[in-house]
N, C-alpha and C. Protein backbone atom coordinates (compact mmCIF):
# COMPACT_ATOMS: atom_id res chain seq x y z
N MET A 1 2.74 -5.04 -19.44
CA MET A 1 3.53 -3.91 -20.02
C MET A 1 3.59 -2.81 -18.96
N LYS A 2 2.44 -2.57 -18.26
CA LYS A 2 2.35 -1.50 -17.30
C LYS A 2 3.39 -1.75 -16.15
N LYS A 3 3.43 -3.04 -15.73
CA LYS A 3 4.32 -3.36 -14.63
C LYS A 3 5.80 -3.17 -15.15
N LEU A 4 6.11 -3.55 -16.33
CA LEU A 4 7.39 -3.35 -16.90
C LEU A 4 7.83 -1.93 -16.95
N LEU A 5 6.88 -1.09 -17.37
CA LEU A 5 7.13 0.38 -17.45
C LEU A 5 7.45 0.90 -16.07
N LEU A 6 6.63 0.54 -15.06
CA LEU A 6 6.83 1.03 -13.68
C LEU A 6 8.22 0.54 -13.16
N SER A 7 8.63 -0.63 -13.54
CA SER A 7 9.97 -1.14 -13.07
C SER A 7 11.01 -0.37 -13.72
N VAL A 8 10.85 0.06 -15.00
CA VAL A 8 11.89 0.86 -15.70
C VAL A 8 12.02 2.23 -15.09
N LEU A 9 10.85 2.76 -14.80
CA LEU A 9 10.80 4.09 -14.12
C LEU A 9 11.45 4.06 -12.73
N LEU A 10 11.20 3.06 -12.01
CA LEU A 10 11.79 2.89 -10.69
C LEU A 10 13.32 2.75 -10.74
N LEU A 11 13.80 2.07 -11.74
CA LEU A 11 15.30 1.93 -11.95
C LEU A 11 15.85 3.25 -12.27
N ALA A 12 15.17 3.98 -13.08
CA ALA A 12 15.61 5.36 -13.46
C ALA A 12 15.74 6.23 -12.20
N PHE A 13 14.73 6.19 -11.35
CA PHE A 13 14.81 7.01 -10.19
C PHE A 13 15.92 6.56 -9.32
N LEU A 14 16.13 5.30 -9.08
CA LEU A 14 17.16 4.76 -8.17
C LEU A 14 18.57 5.09 -8.77
N SER A 15 18.66 5.19 -10.10
CA SER A 15 19.99 5.54 -10.69
C SER A 15 20.29 7.04 -10.41
N GLU A 16 19.27 7.82 -10.11
CA GLU A 16 19.50 9.22 -9.87
C GLU A 16 19.70 9.46 -8.35
N GLY A 17 20.00 8.43 -7.62
CA GLY A 17 20.33 8.61 -6.22
C GLY A 17 19.21 8.34 -5.31
N MET A 18 18.02 7.91 -5.87
CA MET A 18 16.92 7.50 -4.93
C MET A 18 17.22 6.11 -4.29
N THR A 19 16.70 5.99 -3.13
CA THR A 19 16.81 4.79 -2.37
C THR A 19 15.44 4.20 -2.02
N GLN A 20 15.31 2.93 -2.18
CA GLN A 20 14.07 2.29 -1.67
C GLN A 20 14.38 1.40 -0.45
N LYS A 21 13.68 1.66 0.67
CA LYS A 21 13.99 0.92 1.94
C LYS A 21 12.72 0.68 2.76
N ASP A 22 12.79 -0.33 3.53
CA ASP A 22 11.72 -0.61 4.52
C ASP A 22 12.20 0.19 5.76
N LEU A 23 11.47 1.26 6.09
CA LEU A 23 11.76 2.18 7.18
C LEU A 23 11.09 1.90 8.43
N ARG A 24 10.48 0.76 8.53
CA ARG A 24 9.73 0.47 9.88
C ARG A 24 10.70 0.57 11.03
N GLY A 25 10.38 1.29 12.00
CA GLY A 25 11.24 1.45 13.16
C GLY A 25 12.21 2.54 13.05
N LYS A 26 12.08 3.35 11.91
CA LYS A 26 13.13 4.43 11.71
C LYS A 26 12.39 5.79 11.51
N VAL A 27 13.09 6.87 11.71
CA VAL A 27 12.56 8.15 11.47
C VAL A 27 13.50 9.03 10.66
N PHE A 28 12.96 9.99 9.96
CA PHE A 28 13.79 11.10 9.40
C PHE A 28 13.85 12.22 10.45
N ILE A 29 15.16 12.55 10.81
CA ILE A 29 15.37 13.70 11.74
C ILE A 29 15.90 14.83 10.92
N PHE A 30 15.20 16.02 11.07
CA PHE A 30 15.62 17.33 10.53
C PHE A 30 16.16 18.09 11.73
N PRO A 31 17.53 18.14 11.87
CA PRO A 31 18.01 18.60 13.12
C PRO A 31 18.05 20.10 13.30
N GLU A 32 17.98 20.94 12.17
CA GLU A 32 18.09 22.31 12.33
C GLU A 32 17.27 23.12 11.19
N GLU A 33 16.95 24.27 11.47
CA GLU A 33 16.26 25.13 10.47
C GLU A 33 17.24 25.40 9.33
N SER A 34 16.61 25.23 8.16
CA SER A 34 17.39 25.46 6.94
C SER A 34 16.37 25.70 5.65
N ASN A 35 16.95 26.20 4.66
CA ASN A 35 16.20 26.20 3.34
C ASN A 35 16.75 25.19 2.35
N THR A 36 17.41 24.15 2.85
CA THR A 36 17.89 23.11 1.91
C THR A 36 17.53 21.70 2.40
N ALA A 37 17.57 21.42 3.68
CA ALA A 37 17.27 20.00 4.08
C ALA A 37 15.84 19.50 3.81
N HIS A 38 15.70 18.46 3.10
CA HIS A 38 14.45 17.91 2.75
C HIS A 38 14.55 16.44 2.28
N VAL A 39 13.45 15.77 2.13
CA VAL A 39 13.40 14.48 1.59
C VAL A 39 12.44 14.44 0.50
N SER A 40 12.85 14.01 -0.78
CA SER A 40 11.95 13.81 -1.87
C SER A 40 11.48 12.39 -1.88
N LEU A 41 10.06 12.28 -2.07
CA LEU A 41 9.45 11.01 -2.16
C LEU A 41 8.96 10.59 -3.47
N VAL A 42 9.12 9.40 -3.91
CA VAL A 42 8.60 8.96 -5.22
C VAL A 42 7.42 7.99 -4.97
N PRO A 43 6.23 8.29 -5.55
CA PRO A 43 5.05 7.53 -5.28
C PRO A 43 5.16 6.20 -6.14
N ARG A 44 4.46 5.18 -5.55
CA ARG A 44 4.48 3.87 -6.12
C ARG A 44 3.62 3.80 -7.39
N VAL A 45 2.55 4.69 -7.46
CA VAL A 45 1.80 4.85 -8.70
C VAL A 45 1.62 6.30 -8.86
N ASN A 46 1.38 6.73 -10.09
CA ASN A 46 1.38 8.11 -10.41
C ASN A 46 0.16 8.50 -11.24
N ASN A 47 -0.95 8.59 -10.52
CA ASN A 47 -2.29 8.83 -11.15
C ASN A 47 -2.97 10.04 -10.49
N PRO A 48 -3.93 10.68 -11.16
CA PRO A 48 -4.72 11.67 -10.45
C PRO A 48 -5.47 11.06 -9.29
N LEU A 49 -5.81 11.95 -8.33
CA LEU A 49 -6.47 11.46 -7.07
C LEU A 49 -7.83 12.30 -6.97
N LYS A 50 -8.92 11.40 -6.90
CA LYS A 50 -10.17 11.88 -6.61
C LYS A 50 -10.53 11.63 -5.11
N ASN A 51 -9.71 10.90 -4.41
CA ASN A 51 -9.79 10.66 -3.04
C ASN A 51 -8.40 10.41 -2.51
N PHE A 52 -8.17 10.67 -1.23
CA PHE A 52 -6.94 10.31 -0.54
C PHE A 52 -7.06 10.15 0.91
N THR A 53 -6.18 9.38 1.48
CA THR A 53 -5.93 9.35 2.92
C THR A 53 -4.44 9.53 3.19
N LEU A 54 -4.07 10.52 3.97
CA LEU A 54 -2.69 10.68 4.29
C LEU A 54 -2.46 10.55 5.81
N CYS A 55 -1.47 9.71 6.24
CA CYS A 55 -1.18 9.61 7.66
C CYS A 55 0.37 9.77 7.85
N LEU A 56 0.71 10.34 8.98
CA LEU A 56 2.12 10.45 9.34
C LEU A 56 2.20 10.69 10.79
N LYS A 57 3.43 10.53 11.41
CA LYS A 57 3.72 10.76 12.78
C LYS A 57 4.84 11.79 12.75
N ALA A 58 4.77 12.71 13.73
CA ALA A 58 5.78 13.77 13.83
C ALA A 58 5.96 14.27 15.24
N PHE A 59 7.20 14.71 15.50
CA PHE A 59 7.47 15.37 16.78
C PHE A 59 8.39 16.59 16.49
N THR A 60 7.86 17.72 17.11
CA THR A 60 8.63 18.98 17.01
C THR A 60 8.31 19.89 18.15
N ASP A 61 9.18 20.74 18.48
CA ASP A 61 8.93 21.80 19.49
C ASP A 61 8.75 23.22 18.86
N LEU A 62 8.57 23.24 17.61
CA LEU A 62 8.46 24.54 16.86
C LEU A 62 7.17 25.23 17.29
N THR A 63 7.20 26.45 17.35
CA THR A 63 6.04 27.34 17.59
C THR A 63 5.61 28.18 16.40
N ARG A 64 6.55 28.26 15.44
CA ARG A 64 6.35 29.01 14.21
C ARG A 64 5.66 28.11 13.10
N PRO A 65 5.25 28.60 11.98
CA PRO A 65 4.72 27.85 10.89
C PRO A 65 5.73 26.90 10.35
N TYR A 66 5.16 25.69 9.88
CA TYR A 66 6.07 24.70 9.16
C TYR A 66 5.23 23.71 8.42
N SER A 67 5.90 23.06 7.46
CA SER A 67 5.22 22.14 6.58
C SER A 67 5.47 20.72 7.06
N LEU A 68 4.40 19.89 6.97
CA LEU A 68 4.58 18.51 7.29
C LEU A 68 4.66 17.58 6.10
N PHE A 69 3.90 17.97 5.03
CA PHE A 69 3.81 17.16 3.80
C PHE A 69 3.42 18.08 2.64
N SER A 70 4.32 18.20 1.66
CA SER A 70 4.11 19.09 0.53
C SER A 70 4.12 18.36 -0.78
N TYR A 71 3.07 18.47 -1.55
CA TYR A 71 2.75 17.85 -2.87
C TYR A 71 2.41 18.91 -3.87
N ASN A 72 3.34 19.28 -4.73
CA ASN A 72 3.12 20.25 -5.70
C ASN A 72 3.27 19.68 -7.05
N THR A 73 2.45 20.27 -8.01
CA THR A 73 2.63 19.94 -9.46
C THR A 73 3.09 21.21 -10.16
N ARG A 74 3.45 21.05 -11.40
CA ARG A 74 3.98 22.12 -12.17
C ARG A 74 3.06 23.30 -12.38
N SER A 75 1.74 22.90 -12.35
CA SER A 75 0.71 23.89 -12.56
C SER A 75 0.00 24.39 -11.32
N THR A 76 0.26 23.75 -10.20
CA THR A 76 -0.50 24.15 -8.91
C THR A 76 0.42 23.95 -7.73
N ASP A 77 0.63 25.16 -7.03
CA ASP A 77 1.26 25.07 -5.73
C ASP A 77 0.22 24.57 -4.68
N ASN A 78 0.73 23.90 -3.70
CA ASN A 78 -0.19 23.40 -2.64
C ASN A 78 -1.24 22.48 -3.19
N GLU A 79 -0.85 21.70 -4.10
CA GLU A 79 -1.92 20.77 -4.63
C GLU A 79 -2.38 19.85 -3.49
N LEU A 80 -1.55 19.39 -2.66
CA LEU A 80 -1.93 18.68 -1.44
C LEU A 80 -0.82 19.10 -0.41
N LEU A 81 -1.22 19.73 0.60
CA LEU A 81 -0.27 20.23 1.60
C LEU A 81 -0.91 20.10 3.02
N LEU A 82 -0.17 19.55 3.95
CA LEU A 82 -0.53 19.56 5.34
C LEU A 82 0.47 20.50 6.09
N PHE A 83 -0.07 21.55 6.61
CA PHE A 83 0.81 22.67 7.10
C PHE A 83 0.24 23.04 8.51
N VAL A 84 1.24 23.36 9.35
CA VAL A 84 0.94 23.89 10.67
C VAL A 84 1.21 25.38 10.72
N ASN A 85 0.21 26.12 10.97
CA ASN A 85 0.34 27.60 11.03
C ASN A 85 0.85 28.08 12.42
N LYS A 86 0.37 27.45 13.46
CA LYS A 86 0.97 27.66 14.83
C LYS A 86 0.54 26.43 15.61
N VAL A 87 1.00 26.45 16.87
CA VAL A 87 0.67 25.31 17.71
C VAL A 87 -0.79 25.13 17.83
N GLY A 88 -1.19 23.92 17.41
CA GLY A 88 -2.71 23.54 17.55
C GLY A 88 -3.57 24.04 16.44
N GLU A 89 -2.89 24.51 15.30
CA GLU A 89 -3.70 25.01 14.14
C GLU A 89 -3.13 24.32 12.82
N TYR A 90 -3.80 23.32 12.34
CA TYR A 90 -3.43 22.56 11.18
C TYR A 90 -4.25 23.16 9.93
N ILE A 91 -3.60 23.23 8.77
CA ILE A 91 -4.21 23.57 7.50
C ILE A 91 -4.02 22.49 6.52
N LEU A 92 -5.12 22.05 5.96
CA LEU A 92 -5.04 21.01 4.86
C LEU A 92 -5.43 21.74 3.50
N TYR A 93 -4.49 21.76 2.57
CA TYR A 93 -4.70 22.36 1.29
C TYR A 93 -4.98 21.28 0.24
N VAL A 94 -5.92 21.52 -0.62
CA VAL A 94 -6.21 20.74 -1.81
C VAL A 94 -6.42 21.69 -3.01
N GLY A 95 -5.62 21.48 -4.07
CA GLY A 95 -5.72 22.39 -5.20
C GLY A 95 -5.49 23.86 -4.97
N GLY A 96 -4.65 24.20 -3.95
CA GLY A 96 -4.34 25.54 -3.62
C GLY A 96 -5.27 26.17 -2.59
N THR A 97 -6.29 25.52 -2.25
CA THR A 97 -7.30 26.10 -1.23
C THR A 97 -7.18 25.33 0.07
N GLY A 98 -7.20 25.95 1.23
CA GLY A 98 -7.05 25.27 2.52
C GLY A 98 -8.20 25.45 3.42
N VAL A 99 -8.31 24.55 4.38
CA VAL A 99 -9.22 24.63 5.48
C VAL A 99 -8.43 24.36 6.78
N THR A 100 -8.86 25.13 7.85
CA THR A 100 -8.16 25.04 9.06
C THR A 100 -8.85 24.18 10.11
N PHE A 101 -8.04 23.42 10.87
CA PHE A 101 -8.54 22.65 11.94
C PHE A 101 -7.71 23.05 13.20
N LYS A 102 -8.51 23.31 14.30
CA LYS A 102 -7.80 23.71 15.51
C LYS A 102 -7.95 22.55 16.48
N VAL A 103 -6.82 22.27 17.13
CA VAL A 103 -6.57 21.11 17.97
C VAL A 103 -5.99 21.62 19.32
N PRO A 104 -6.42 21.05 20.51
CA PRO A 104 -5.82 21.37 21.67
C PRO A 104 -4.33 20.95 21.69
N PRO A 105 -3.44 21.80 22.13
CA PRO A 105 -1.99 21.49 22.07
C PRO A 105 -1.72 20.30 22.98
N SER A 106 -0.80 19.44 22.54
CA SER A 106 -0.19 18.39 23.35
C SER A 106 1.32 18.47 23.40
N PRO A 107 1.88 19.37 24.24
CA PRO A 107 3.28 19.61 24.16
C PRO A 107 4.07 18.34 24.62
N ASP A 108 5.26 18.27 24.07
CA ASP A 108 6.24 17.21 24.44
C ASP A 108 5.82 15.82 24.10
N THR A 109 4.83 15.74 23.22
CA THR A 109 4.40 14.37 22.70
C THR A 109 4.33 14.44 21.19
N PRO A 110 4.60 13.28 20.50
CA PRO A 110 4.47 13.19 19.07
C PRO A 110 2.96 13.32 18.63
N ALA A 111 2.73 13.72 17.40
CA ALA A 111 1.40 13.78 16.88
C ALA A 111 1.22 12.70 15.80
N HIS A 112 0.11 11.89 15.92
CA HIS A 112 -0.25 10.91 14.86
C HIS A 112 -1.35 11.60 14.10
N LEU A 113 -1.03 11.99 12.85
CA LEU A 113 -2.04 12.77 12.07
C LEU A 113 -2.56 11.94 10.90
N CYS A 114 -3.87 11.97 10.66
CA CYS A 114 -4.52 11.32 9.50
C CYS A 114 -5.45 12.32 8.93
N ALA A 115 -5.26 12.58 7.61
CA ALA A 115 -6.21 13.53 6.98
C ALA A 115 -6.83 12.71 5.65
N SER A 116 -8.08 12.89 5.48
CA SER A 116 -8.68 12.25 4.26
C SER A 116 -9.51 13.34 3.55
N TRP A 117 -9.75 13.10 2.21
CA TRP A 117 -10.53 13.97 1.47
C TRP A 117 -11.19 13.15 0.34
N GLU A 118 -12.42 13.53 -0.01
CA GLU A 118 -13.12 12.86 -1.13
C GLU A 118 -13.65 13.91 -2.12
N SER A 119 -13.45 13.76 -3.37
CA SER A 119 -13.87 14.77 -4.35
C SER A 119 -15.40 14.89 -4.46
N ALA A 120 -16.07 13.76 -4.39
CA ALA A 120 -17.50 13.70 -4.63
C ALA A 120 -18.24 14.63 -3.71
N SER A 121 -17.90 14.62 -2.48
CA SER A 121 -18.61 15.40 -1.40
C SER A 121 -17.85 16.64 -1.09
N GLY A 122 -16.51 16.61 -1.29
CA GLY A 122 -15.65 17.66 -0.88
C GLY A 122 -15.25 17.62 0.55
N ILE A 123 -15.64 16.59 1.26
CA ILE A 123 -15.39 16.47 2.72
C ILE A 123 -13.99 16.17 3.08
N ALA A 124 -13.35 17.01 3.79
CA ALA A 124 -11.95 16.85 4.32
C ALA A 124 -12.05 16.59 5.79
N GLU A 125 -11.28 15.57 6.28
CA GLU A 125 -11.38 15.22 7.67
C GLU A 125 -10.01 15.10 8.21
N LEU A 126 -9.88 15.48 9.47
CA LEU A 126 -8.61 15.38 10.19
C LEU A 126 -8.71 14.67 11.55
N TRP A 127 -7.85 13.74 11.82
CA TRP A 127 -7.80 13.05 13.05
C TRP A 127 -6.45 13.24 13.69
N VAL A 128 -6.29 13.55 14.95
CA VAL A 128 -5.03 13.74 15.64
C VAL A 128 -5.03 12.81 16.85
N ASN A 129 -4.03 11.97 16.91
CA ASN A 129 -3.82 11.04 17.91
C ASN A 129 -5.10 10.16 18.19
N GLY A 130 -5.73 9.79 17.14
CA GLY A 130 -6.85 8.85 17.18
C GLY A 130 -8.15 9.59 17.49
N LYS A 131 -8.23 10.86 17.48
CA LYS A 131 -9.45 11.67 17.78
C LYS A 131 -9.84 12.56 16.61
N PRO A 132 -11.06 12.60 16.23
CA PRO A 132 -11.49 13.53 15.13
C PRO A 132 -11.44 14.96 15.69
N VAL A 133 -11.00 15.82 14.74
CA VAL A 133 -11.01 17.23 15.06
C VAL A 133 -11.87 18.07 14.06
N GLY A 134 -12.62 17.38 13.28
CA GLY A 134 -13.57 18.13 12.41
C GLY A 134 -13.64 17.61 11.01
N ARG A 135 -14.70 17.96 10.40
CA ARG A 135 -15.01 17.67 8.87
C ARG A 135 -15.33 18.95 8.23
N LYS A 136 -14.78 19.29 7.10
CA LYS A 136 -15.06 20.54 6.45
C LYS A 136 -15.16 20.30 4.96
N GLY A 137 -15.84 21.27 4.18
CA GLY A 137 -15.89 21.20 2.79
C GLY A 137 -14.65 21.86 2.12
N LEU A 138 -14.16 21.18 1.07
CA LEU A 138 -12.99 21.64 0.40
C LEU A 138 -12.92 21.12 -1.01
N LYS A 139 -12.89 22.04 -1.96
CA LYS A 139 -12.73 21.70 -3.46
C LYS A 139 -13.53 20.48 -3.94
N ARG A 140 -14.83 20.67 -3.67
CA ARG A 140 -15.83 19.62 -4.19
C ARG A 140 -15.58 19.48 -5.68
N GLY A 141 -15.54 18.29 -6.17
CA GLY A 141 -15.50 17.92 -7.52
C GLY A 141 -14.14 18.09 -8.16
N TYR A 142 -13.05 18.49 -7.42
CA TYR A 142 -11.79 18.64 -7.87
C TYR A 142 -11.01 17.30 -8.09
N THR A 143 -10.02 17.32 -8.83
CA THR A 143 -9.08 16.16 -9.01
C THR A 143 -7.71 16.63 -8.69
N VAL A 144 -7.02 16.02 -7.77
CA VAL A 144 -5.62 16.27 -7.48
C VAL A 144 -4.75 15.72 -8.55
N LYS A 145 -3.92 16.51 -9.13
CA LYS A 145 -3.24 16.18 -10.34
C LYS A 145 -1.98 15.23 -9.99
N GLU A 146 -1.52 14.54 -10.97
CA GLU A 146 -0.50 13.58 -10.89
C GLU A 146 0.88 14.24 -11.24
N LYS A 147 2.01 13.50 -11.29
CA LYS A 147 3.31 13.95 -11.66
C LYS A 147 3.73 15.05 -10.67
N ALA A 148 3.66 14.76 -9.44
CA ALA A 148 3.92 15.72 -8.41
C ALA A 148 5.35 15.66 -7.90
N SER A 149 5.82 16.73 -7.29
CA SER A 149 7.01 16.68 -6.44
C SER A 149 6.52 16.59 -5.03
N ILE A 150 6.93 15.52 -4.30
CA ILE A 150 6.41 15.26 -2.94
C ILE A 150 7.60 15.40 -2.00
N ILE A 151 7.43 16.28 -1.04
CA ILE A 151 8.63 16.61 -0.15
C ILE A 151 8.23 16.67 1.32
N LEU A 152 9.09 16.08 2.20
CA LEU A 152 9.02 16.26 3.56
C LEU A 152 10.07 17.22 4.02
N GLY A 153 9.77 18.12 4.99
CA GLY A 153 10.76 18.95 5.63
C GLY A 153 10.71 20.36 5.10
N GLN A 154 10.11 20.62 3.96
CA GLN A 154 10.05 22.02 3.44
C GLN A 154 8.70 22.23 2.73
N GLU A 155 8.32 23.41 2.66
CA GLU A 155 7.08 23.84 1.95
C GLU A 155 7.49 24.41 0.61
N GLN A 156 6.99 23.86 -0.54
CA GLN A 156 7.38 24.26 -1.90
C GLN A 156 6.61 25.48 -2.31
N ASP A 157 7.31 26.52 -2.68
CA ASP A 157 6.70 27.66 -3.35
C ASP A 157 6.84 27.62 -4.87
N SER A 158 7.57 26.60 -5.31
CA SER A 158 7.68 26.21 -6.74
C SER A 158 7.85 24.72 -6.84
N PHE A 159 7.80 24.22 -8.08
CA PHE A 159 7.89 22.78 -8.23
C PHE A 159 9.27 22.28 -7.75
N GLY A 160 9.33 21.59 -6.59
CA GLY A 160 10.60 21.01 -6.12
C GLY A 160 11.51 21.95 -5.48
N GLY A 161 11.01 23.26 -5.19
CA GLY A 161 11.95 24.23 -4.59
C GLY A 161 11.19 25.46 -4.00
N GLY A 162 11.92 26.59 -4.03
CA GLY A 162 11.34 27.73 -3.48
C GLY A 162 11.17 27.68 -1.92
N PHE A 163 12.12 27.03 -1.26
CA PHE A 163 11.97 26.75 0.14
C PHE A 163 12.38 28.05 0.98
N ASP A 164 11.67 28.19 2.17
CA ASP A 164 11.91 29.30 3.03
C ASP A 164 12.24 28.57 4.39
N ALA A 165 13.41 28.92 4.97
CA ALA A 165 13.86 28.35 6.16
C ALA A 165 12.89 28.61 7.27
N LYS A 166 12.07 29.69 7.27
CA LYS A 166 11.18 30.02 8.29
C LYS A 166 9.85 29.15 8.13
N GLN A 167 9.77 28.35 7.17
CA GLN A 167 8.66 27.37 7.12
C GLN A 167 9.20 25.89 7.09
N SER A 168 10.48 25.79 7.38
CA SER A 168 11.09 24.47 7.32
C SER A 168 10.67 23.62 8.61
N PHE A 169 10.71 22.32 8.49
CA PHE A 169 10.36 21.52 9.68
C PHE A 169 11.67 21.18 10.40
N VAL A 170 11.52 21.18 11.69
CA VAL A 170 12.72 20.83 12.55
C VAL A 170 12.12 19.86 13.57
N GLY A 171 12.61 18.60 13.54
CA GLY A 171 12.14 17.60 14.39
C GLY A 171 12.24 16.22 13.76
N GLU A 172 11.25 15.32 13.99
CA GLU A 172 11.26 13.93 13.44
C GLU A 172 9.94 13.69 12.75
N ILE A 173 10.01 12.96 11.66
CA ILE A 173 8.84 12.43 10.89
C ILE A 173 9.04 11.03 10.62
N TRP A 174 7.94 10.23 10.73
CA TRP A 174 7.93 8.84 10.47
C TRP A 174 6.54 8.32 10.08
N ASP A 175 6.57 7.04 9.61
CA ASP A 175 5.28 6.29 9.30
C ASP A 175 4.44 7.08 8.35
N VAL A 176 5.02 7.57 7.28
CA VAL A 176 4.26 8.34 6.29
C VAL A 176 3.57 7.42 5.30
N SER A 177 2.30 7.47 5.17
CA SER A 177 1.57 6.58 4.18
C SER A 177 0.52 7.46 3.45
N LEU A 178 0.35 7.17 2.15
CA LEU A 178 -0.70 7.87 1.35
C LEU A 178 -1.46 6.77 0.45
N TRP A 179 -2.76 6.95 0.57
CA TRP A 179 -3.60 5.99 -0.19
C TRP A 179 -4.40 6.79 -1.19
N ASN A 180 -4.95 6.15 -2.21
CA ASN A 180 -5.84 6.85 -3.24
C ASN A 180 -7.26 6.59 -2.99
N ARG A 181 -7.65 6.40 -1.62
CA ARG A 181 -9.09 6.13 -1.21
C ARG A 181 -9.18 6.66 0.16
N VAL A 182 -10.45 6.83 0.58
CA VAL A 182 -10.72 7.30 1.92
C VAL A 182 -10.83 6.10 2.85
N LEU A 183 -10.05 6.07 3.86
CA LEU A 183 -10.03 5.00 4.79
C LEU A 183 -10.63 5.32 6.12
N PRO A 184 -11.27 4.43 6.85
CA PRO A 184 -11.77 4.80 8.22
C PRO A 184 -10.66 5.21 9.16
N LEU A 185 -10.76 6.33 9.72
CA LEU A 185 -9.58 6.93 10.48
C LEU A 185 -9.59 6.57 11.90
N LYS A 186 -10.76 6.04 12.44
CA LYS A 186 -10.79 5.71 13.82
C LYS A 186 -9.81 4.50 14.10
N ASN A 187 -8.94 4.74 15.09
CA ASN A 187 -7.94 3.71 15.45
C ASN A 187 -7.06 3.35 14.27
N MET A 188 -6.73 4.29 13.43
CA MET A 188 -5.94 4.08 12.18
C MET A 188 -4.56 3.68 12.57
N CYS A 189 -4.13 2.59 11.96
CA CYS A 189 -2.79 1.98 12.22
C CYS A 189 -1.99 2.03 10.85
N THR A 190 -1.08 2.86 10.67
CA THR A 190 -0.41 2.90 9.32
C THR A 190 0.34 1.74 9.04
N SER A 191 0.83 1.00 10.05
CA SER A 191 1.61 -0.24 9.70
C SER A 191 0.61 -1.38 9.33
N CYS A 192 -0.66 -1.25 9.67
CA CYS A 192 -1.50 -2.36 9.32
C CYS A 192 -2.08 -2.31 7.94
N TYR A 193 -2.08 -1.09 7.35
CA TYR A 193 -2.60 -0.88 5.95
C TYR A 193 -1.56 -0.11 5.15
N PRO A 194 -0.60 -0.82 4.59
CA PRO A 194 0.42 -0.14 3.79
C PRO A 194 -0.20 0.76 2.65
N GLY A 195 0.32 1.96 2.58
CA GLY A 195 -0.22 2.87 1.59
C GLY A 195 0.05 2.37 0.21
N ASN A 196 -0.93 2.55 -0.72
CA ASN A 196 -0.66 2.11 -2.16
C ASN A 196 -0.04 3.21 -3.02
N ILE A 197 0.13 4.40 -2.48
CA ILE A 197 0.84 5.43 -3.21
C ILE A 197 2.21 5.65 -2.52
N LEU A 198 2.18 5.84 -1.21
CA LEU A 198 3.46 5.84 -0.44
C LEU A 198 3.25 4.98 0.77
N THR A 199 4.34 4.17 1.00
CA THR A 199 4.32 3.31 2.27
C THR A 199 5.69 3.35 2.88
N TRP A 200 5.63 3.54 4.18
CA TRP A 200 6.89 3.48 4.99
C TRP A 200 7.58 2.12 4.89
N GLN A 201 6.89 1.01 4.52
CA GLN A 201 7.49 -0.28 4.47
C GLN A 201 8.28 -0.58 3.18
N ALA A 202 8.15 0.39 2.18
CA ALA A 202 8.93 0.30 0.95
C ALA A 202 8.99 1.67 0.37
N LEU A 203 9.66 2.60 1.05
CA LEU A 203 9.70 3.97 0.60
C LEU A 203 10.86 4.24 -0.29
N THR A 204 10.50 4.84 -1.42
CA THR A 204 11.48 5.33 -2.41
C THR A 204 11.71 6.80 -2.18
N TYR A 205 12.94 7.17 -1.79
CA TYR A 205 13.18 8.55 -1.39
C TYR A 205 14.67 8.97 -1.64
N LYS A 206 14.86 10.28 -1.57
CA LYS A 206 16.28 10.74 -1.60
C LYS A 206 16.31 11.92 -0.57
N ALA A 207 17.21 11.85 0.44
CA ALA A 207 17.45 12.93 1.43
C ALA A 207 18.43 13.83 0.92
N ARG A 208 18.19 15.15 0.99
CA ARG A 208 19.15 16.21 0.65
C ARG A 208 19.45 17.14 1.80
N GLY A 209 20.63 17.52 1.95
CA GLY A 209 20.99 18.32 3.07
C GLY A 209 21.13 17.65 4.30
N TYR A 210 21.00 18.39 5.43
CA TYR A 210 21.15 17.76 6.72
C TYR A 210 19.87 17.08 7.23
N VAL A 211 19.80 15.78 6.80
CA VAL A 211 18.74 14.94 7.21
C VAL A 211 19.31 13.59 7.68
N VAL A 212 18.89 13.07 8.78
CA VAL A 212 19.49 11.93 9.38
C VAL A 212 18.36 10.80 9.58
N VAL A 213 18.67 9.59 9.27
CA VAL A 213 17.82 8.40 9.57
C VAL A 213 18.29 7.80 10.78
N LYS A 214 17.41 7.60 11.74
CA LYS A 214 17.74 7.00 13.04
C LYS A 214 16.57 6.17 13.56
N PRO A 215 16.88 5.13 14.45
CA PRO A 215 15.75 4.33 15.04
C PRO A 215 14.82 5.37 15.86
N LYS A 216 13.54 5.05 15.73
CA LYS A 216 12.55 5.82 16.43
C LYS A 216 12.55 5.57 17.93
N VAL A 217 12.14 6.55 18.78
CA VAL A 217 12.06 6.45 20.21
C VAL A 217 10.70 6.40 20.68
N TRP A 218 9.72 6.84 19.88
CA TRP A 218 8.32 6.77 20.25
C TRP A 218 7.64 5.73 19.52
N PRO A 219 6.47 5.18 20.01
CA PRO A 219 5.64 4.20 19.29
C PRO A 219 5.22 4.63 17.92
């Protein structure tokens, strides 16, 4: 019965313009600053999260703040947000509270980012290009809520909207995966472990505004 219900929900999403594709070897390109261009993602399962691992790859030459991954619920902004405040300064939010990780800049190269968090200890961890950049305490005992609006390319100030062009992403994003558990991040290979919440190999999404899908040029 549960599988049948998920199938019915997926068909409903697809009928609203959602697409499910294997995007291996492809990227989302956000060509210019805007307050409209974004990609909405539909999770494969929709349950509360006591743990998660989020991985993605991105390239940009922005020096201002921008959002990489925005997960909002109707009751909480920044329920799960990976945000760049400035070059080399990443902020991971859980339940509206953030911790900052500082990373030596690597200009002109893409970033492979993996963040994990577990409720029991509250430990949040970030790895950039296969190297750890710190572990910090964040929202110990919290549960990330379900029924979220998940968006690439914009930072949500309200559920599914409230976009600010000055926080929009300009560049390329690919290999987005989300799991409901903490995975070992050393030598993390997103294509080796398909995410059980979001996976690039079977991504259900809808692109809105000026967003282009193209073959990737980086590994």
